[in-house]
PDB file of N, CA and C in Angstrom:
ATOM      1  N   MET A   1      13.252  -3.573   5.499  1.00  0.00           N
ATOM      2  CA  MET A   1      12.357  -2.673   5.783  1.00  0.00           C
ATOM      3  C   MET A   1      12.105  -1.245   6.043  1.00  0.00           C
ATOM      4  N   ILE A   2      10.997  -1.085   6.040  1.00  0.00           N
ATOM      5  CA  ILE A   2      11.244   0.287   6.698  1.00  0.00           C
ATOM      6  C   ILE A   2       9.315   0.216   7.308  1.00  0.00           C
ATOM      7  N   ARG A   3       9.195   0.411   8.634  1.00  0.00           N
ATOM      8  CA  ARG A   3       8.248   0.654  10.215  1.00  0.00           C
ATOM      9  C   ARG A   3       7.839   2.141   9.684  1.00  0.00           C
ATOM     10  N   THR A   4       6.443   2.077   9.597  1.00  0.00           N
ATOM     11  CA  THR A   4       5.520   2.845   9.507  1.00  0.00           C
ATOM     12  C   THR A   4       4.815   3.501  10.930  1.00  0.00           C
ATOM     13  N   ARG A   5       4.182   3.776  11.264  1.00  0.00           N
ATOM     14  CA  ARG A   5       3.114   4.185  12.482  1.00  0.00           C
ATOM     15  C   ARG A   5       1.518   3.594  11.630  1.00  0.00           C
ATOM     16  N   HIS A   6       1.218   3.955  10.808  1.00  0.00           N
ATOM     17  CA  HIS A   6      -0.361   3.611  10.068  1.00  0.00           C
ATOM     18  C   HIS A   6       0.055   2.845   9.600  1.00  0.00           C
ATOM     19  N   GLU A   7      -0.797   1.654   9.609  1.00  0.00           N
ATOM     20  CA  GLU A   7      -1.191   0.928   8.110  1.00  0.00           C
ATOM     21  C   GLU A   7      -1.354   1.443   6.104  1.00  0.00           C
ATOM     22  N   GLN A   8      -2.324   2.238   6.560  1.00  0.00           N
ATOM     23  CA  GLN A   8      -2.367   3.209   5.804  1.00  0.00           C
ATOM     24  C   GLN A   8      -1.901   3.823   5.011  1.00  0.00           C
ATOM     25  N   GLY A   9      -0.656   3.753   5.532  1.00  0.00           N
ATOM     26  CA  GLY A   9       0.558   5.062   5.247  1.00  0.00           C
ATOM     27  C   GLY A   9       1.682   3.773   4.966  1.00  0.00           C
ATOM     28  N   ALA A  10       1.836   2.964   5.609  1.00  0.00           N
ATOM     29  CA  ALA A  10       2.492   1.738   5.029  1.00  0.00           C
ATOM     30  C   ALA A  10       2.192   1.337   3.130  1.00  0.00           C
ATOM     31  N   GLY A  11       0.549   1.260   3.279  1.00  0.00           N
ATOM     32  CA  GLY A  11       0.566   0.953   1.808  1.00  0.00           C
ATOM     33  C   GLY A  11      -0.002   1.105   0.893  1.00  0.00           C
ATOM     34  N   PHE A  12       0.289   2.702   1.432  1.00  0.00           N
ATOM     35  CA  PHE A  12       0.225   3.671  -0.172  1.00  0.00           C
ATOM     36  C   PHE A  12       1.748   4.039  -0.281  1.00  0.00           C
ATOM     37  N   MET A  13       2.726   3.927   0.359  1.00  0.00           N
ATOM     38  CA  MET A  13       4.000   3.556   0.002  1.00  0.00           C
ATOM     39  C   MET A  13       4.303   2.336  -0.112  1.00  0.00           C
ATOM     40  N   ALA A  14       3.476   0.587  -0.799  1.00  0.00           N
ATOM     41  CA  ALA A  14       3.951  -0.126  -0.481  1.00  0.00           C
ATOM     42  C   ALA A  14       3.217  -0.160  -2.431  1.00  0.00           C
ATOM     43  N   ALA A  15       1.976   0.997  -2.612  1.00  0.00           N
ATOM     44  CA  ALA A  15       1.878   0.875  -4.226  1.00  0.00           C
ATOM     45  C   ALA A  15       2.173   1.667  -4.628  1.00  0.00           C
ATOM     46  N   THR A  16       3.032   3.067  -4.405  1.00  0.00           N
ATOM     47  CA  THR A  16       3.717   3.615  -4.613  1.00  0.00           C
ATOM     48  C   THR A  16       5.599   3.238  -5.152  1.00  0.00           C
ATOM     49  N   TYR A  17       5.561   2.840  -4.115  1.00  0.00           N
ATOM     50  CA  TYR A  17       7.036   1.763  -4.859  1.00  0.00           C
ATOM     51  C   TYR A  17       6.937   1.117  -6.454  1.00  0.00           C
ATOM     52  N   GLY A  18       5.604   0.298  -6.000  1.00  0.00           N
ATOM     53  CA  GLY A  18       5.587  -0.405  -7.207  1.00  0.00           C
ATOM     54  C   GLY A  18       5.731  -0.329  -8.167  1.00  0.00           C
ATOM     55  N   ARG A  19       4.502   1.450  -8.693  1.00  0.00           N
ATOM     56  CA  ARG A  19       4.971   1.863  -9.797  1.00  0.00           C
ATOM     57  C   ARG A  19       5.921   2.674 -10.128  1.00  0.00           C
ATOM     58  N   LEU A  20       6.798   3.648  -8.720  1.00  0.00           N
ATOM     59  CA  LEU A  20       8.185   4.090  -9.614  1.00  0.00           C
ATOM     60  C   LEU A  20       9.081   3.206  -9.835  1.00  0.00           C
ATOM     61  N   ILE A  21       9.116   1.808  -9.294  1.00  0.00           N
ATOM     62  CA  ILE A  21      10.122   1.122  -9.938  1.00  0.00           C
ATOM     63  C   ILE A  21       9.812  -0.013 -10.176  1.00  0.00           C
ATOM     64  N   GLY A  22       7.927  -0.937 -10.702  1.00  0.00           N
ATOM     65  CA  GLY A  22       7.822  -1.855 -11.323  1.00  0.00           C
ATOM     66  C   GLY A  22       8.474  -3.586 -11.091  1.00  0.00           C
ATOM     67  N   LYS A  23       8.708  -2.584  -9.217  1.00  0.00           N
ATOM     68  CA  LYS A  23       8.701  -4.106  -9.174  1.00  0.00           C
ATOM     69  C   LYS A  23       7.336  -4.066  -7.863  1.00  0.00           C
ATOM     70  N   ALA A  24       7.208  -5.751  -7.486  1.00  0.00           N
ATOM     71  CA  ALA A  24       5.892  -5.518  -6.455  1.00  0.00           C
ATOM     72  C   ALA A  24       6.008  -4.784  -5.074  1.00  0.00           C
ATOM     73  N   GLY A  25       5.419  -3.900  -4.721  1.00  0.00           N
ATOM     74  CA  GLY A  25       5.519  -3.288  -3.017  1.00  0.00           C
ATOM     75  C   GLY A  25       4.940  -4.093  -2.651  1.00  0.00           C
ATOM     76  N   ALA A  26       5.423  -4.147  -1.028  1.00  0.00           N
ATOM     77  CA  ALA A  26       4.250  -5.699  -0.040  1.00  0.00           C
ATOM     78  C   ALA A  26       4.405  -5.030   1.386  1.00  0.00           C
ATOM     79  N   CYS A  27       3.928  -4.907   1.966  1.00  0.00           N
ATOM     80  CA  CYS A  27       3.538  -5.043   3.197  1.00  0.00           C
ATOM     81  C   CYS A  27       2.586  -5.555   4.453  1.00  0.00           C
ATOM     82  N   LEU A  28       2.688  -5.774   5.399  1.00  0.00           N
ATOM     83  CA  LEU A  28       2.121  -6.366   6.327  1.00  0.00           C
ATOM     84  C   LEU A  28       1.748  -5.428   7.463  1.00  0.00           C
ATOM     85  N   ALA A  29       0.978  -6.070   8.271  1.00  0.00           N
ATOM     86  CA  ALA A  29      -0.365  -5.546   9.541  1.00  0.00           C
ATOM     87  C   ALA A  29      -0.357  -6.734   9.240  1.00  0.00           C
ATOM     88  N   ALA A  30      -1.233  -6.004  10.594  1.00  0.00           N
ATOM     89  CA  ALA A  30      -2.215  -6.820  11.819  1.00  0.00           C
ATOM     90  C   ALA A  30      -4.009  -7.328  11.146  1.00  0.00           C
ATOM     91  N   LEU A  31      -4.072  -8.167  12.009  1.00  0.00           N
ATOM     92  CA  LEU A  31      -5.573  -8.338  11.390  1.00  0.00           C
ATOM     93  C   LEU A  31      -6.372  -7.570  12.058  1.00  0.00           C
ATOM     94  N   GLY A  32      -7.805  -7.311  11.255  1.00  0.00           N
ATOM     95  CA  GLY A  32      -8.754  -6.552  12.316  1.00  0.00           C
ATOM     96  C   GLY A  32      -8.960  -5.393  12.049  1.00  0.00           C
ATOM     97  N   PRO A  33      -8.456  -4.380  12.176  1.00  0.00           N
ATOM     98  CA  PRO A  33      -8.575  -3.326  12.247  1.00  0.00           C
ATOM     99  C   PRO A  33      -7.019  -2.576  11.639  1.00  0.00           C
ATOM    100  N   GLY A  34      -6.252  -3.198  11.881  1.00  0.00           N
ATOM    101  CA  GLY A  34      -4.634  -2.917  10.590  1.00  0.00           C
ATOM    102  C   GLY A  34      -4.951  -3.353   9.195  1.00  0.00           C
ATOM    103  N   ALA A  35      -5.481  -4.253   8.975  1.00  0.00           N
ATOM    104  CA  ALA A  35      -6.355  -4.398   7.792  1.00  0.00           C
ATOM    105  C   ALA A  35      -7.263  -3.902   7.254  1.00  0.00           C
ATOM    106  N   ALA A  36      -8.056  -3.328   7.678  1.00  0.00           N
ATOM    107  CA  ALA A  36      -9.365  -2.459   7.415  1.00  0.00           C
ATOM    108  C   ALA A  36      -8.810  -1.153   7.254  1.00  0.00           C
ATOM    109  N   ASN A  37      -7.573  -0.448   7.790  1.00  0.00           N
ATOM    110  CA  ASN A  37      -7.005   1.007   7.320  1.00  0.00           C
ATOM    111  C   ASN A  37      -6.143   0.699   5.717  1.00  0.00           C
ATOM    112  N   ARG A  38      -5.930  -0.799   5.495  1.00  0.00           N
ATOM    113  CA  ARG A  38      -5.287  -1.232   4.036  1.00  0.00           C
ATOM    114  C   ARG A  38      -6.157  -1.355   3.072  1.00  0.00           C
ATOM    115  N   VAL A  39      -7.505  -1.256   3.793  1.00  0.00           N
ATOM    116  CA  VAL A  39      -8.450  -1.264   2.192  1.00  0.00           C
ATOM    117  C   VAL A  39      -8.609   0.114   1.689  1.00  0.00           C
ATOM    118  N   THR A  40      -8.172   1.598   1.475  1.00  0.00           N
ATOM    119  CA  THR A  40      -8.065   2.325   1.011  1.00  0.00           C
ATOM    120  C   THR A  40      -6.798   2.722  -0.202  1.00  0.00           C
ATOM    121  N   ALA A  41      -5.950   1.913   0.475  1.00  0.00           N
ATOM    122  CA  ALA A  41      -4.626   1.528   0.119  1.00  0.00           C
ATOM    123  C   ALA A  41      -4.207   0.558  -1.311  1.00  0.00           C
ATOM    124  N   ALA A  42      -4.896  -1.073  -1.041  1.00  0.00           N
ATOM    125  CA  ALA A  42      -5.662  -2.244  -1.874  1.00  0.00           C
ATOM    126  C   ALA A  42      -6.420  -0.812  -2.894  1.00  0.00           C
ATOM    127  N   GLY A  43      -6.981  -0.506  -2.568  1.00  0.00           N
ATOM    128  CA  GLY A  43      -8.092   0.063  -4.096  1.00  0.00           C
ATOM    129  C   GLY A  43      -6.490   0.823  -4.315  1.00  0.00           C
ATOM    130  N   TYR A  44      -6.002   1.970  -4.036  1.00  0.00           N
ATOM    131  CA  TYR A  44      -5.476   2.853  -5.060  1.00  0.00           C
ATOM    132  C   TYR A  44      -4.525   2.125  -5.998  1.00  0.00           C
ATOM    133  N   ALA A  45      -4.166   0.697  -4.896  1.00  0.00           N
ATOM    134  CA  ALA A  45      -3.402   0.617  -5.772  1.00  0.00           C
ATOM    135  C   ALA A  45      -3.729  -0.678  -6.686  1.00  0.00           C
ATOM    136  N   ALA A  46      -4.484  -1.164  -7.194  1.00  0.00           N
ATOM    137  CA  ALA A  46      -5.938  -1.503  -7.914  1.00  0.00           C
ATOM    138  C   ALA A  46      -6.350  -1.366  -8.615  1.00  0.00           C
ATOM    139  N   THR A  47      -6.376   0.303  -8.893  1.00  0.00           N
ATOM    140  CA  THR A  47      -6.662   1.524  -9.542  1.00  0.00           C
ATOM    141  C   THR A  47      -5.608   0.761 -11.487  1.00  0.00           C
ATOM    142  N   GLY A  48      -4.029   1.081 -11.068  1.00  0.00           N
ATOM    143  CA  GLY A  48      -3.104   0.589 -11.553  1.00  0.00           C
ATOM    144  C   GLY A  48      -2.544   1.951 -12.140  1.00  0.00           C
ATOM    145  N   ASP A  49      -1.945   3.245 -13.600  1.00  0.00           N
ATOM    146  CA  ASP A  49      -1.040   4.172 -13.369  1.00  0.00           C
ATOM    147  C   ASP A  49      -2.878   4.901 -14.330  1.00  0.00           C
ATOM    148  N   ALA A  50      -3.192   6.080 -13.108  1.00  0.00           N
ATOM    149  CA  ALA A  50      -4.368   7.201 -13.329  1.00  0.00           C
ATOM    150  C   ALA A  50      -3.370   7.831 -14.028  1.00  0.00           C
ATOM    151  N   ASP A  51      -2.390   8.338 -14.818  1.00  0.00           N
ATOM    152  CA  ASP A  51      -2.034   8.924 -16.114  1.00  0.00           C
ATOM    153  C   ASP A  51      -1.356   8.867 -16.736  1.00  0.00           C
ATOM    154  N   GLU A  52      -2.377   7.419 -17.118  1.00  0.00           N
ATOM    155  CA  GLU A  52      -2.648   6.851 -18.528  1.00  0.00           C
ATOM    156  C   GLU A  52      -4.157   7.230 -19.827  1.00  0.00           C
TER     157      GLU A  52
END
């Protein structure tokens, strides 16, 4: 488990972990503003590999 200071950073870290390692990445955040901060990272994770 890695603690971060911002939910968006945690989301990008989990998405990048999933892309590099090939396993699912996960992050936890509080509801409300915490969930809103993860929206951008969730969109990044849902786009798949941009290099292909």
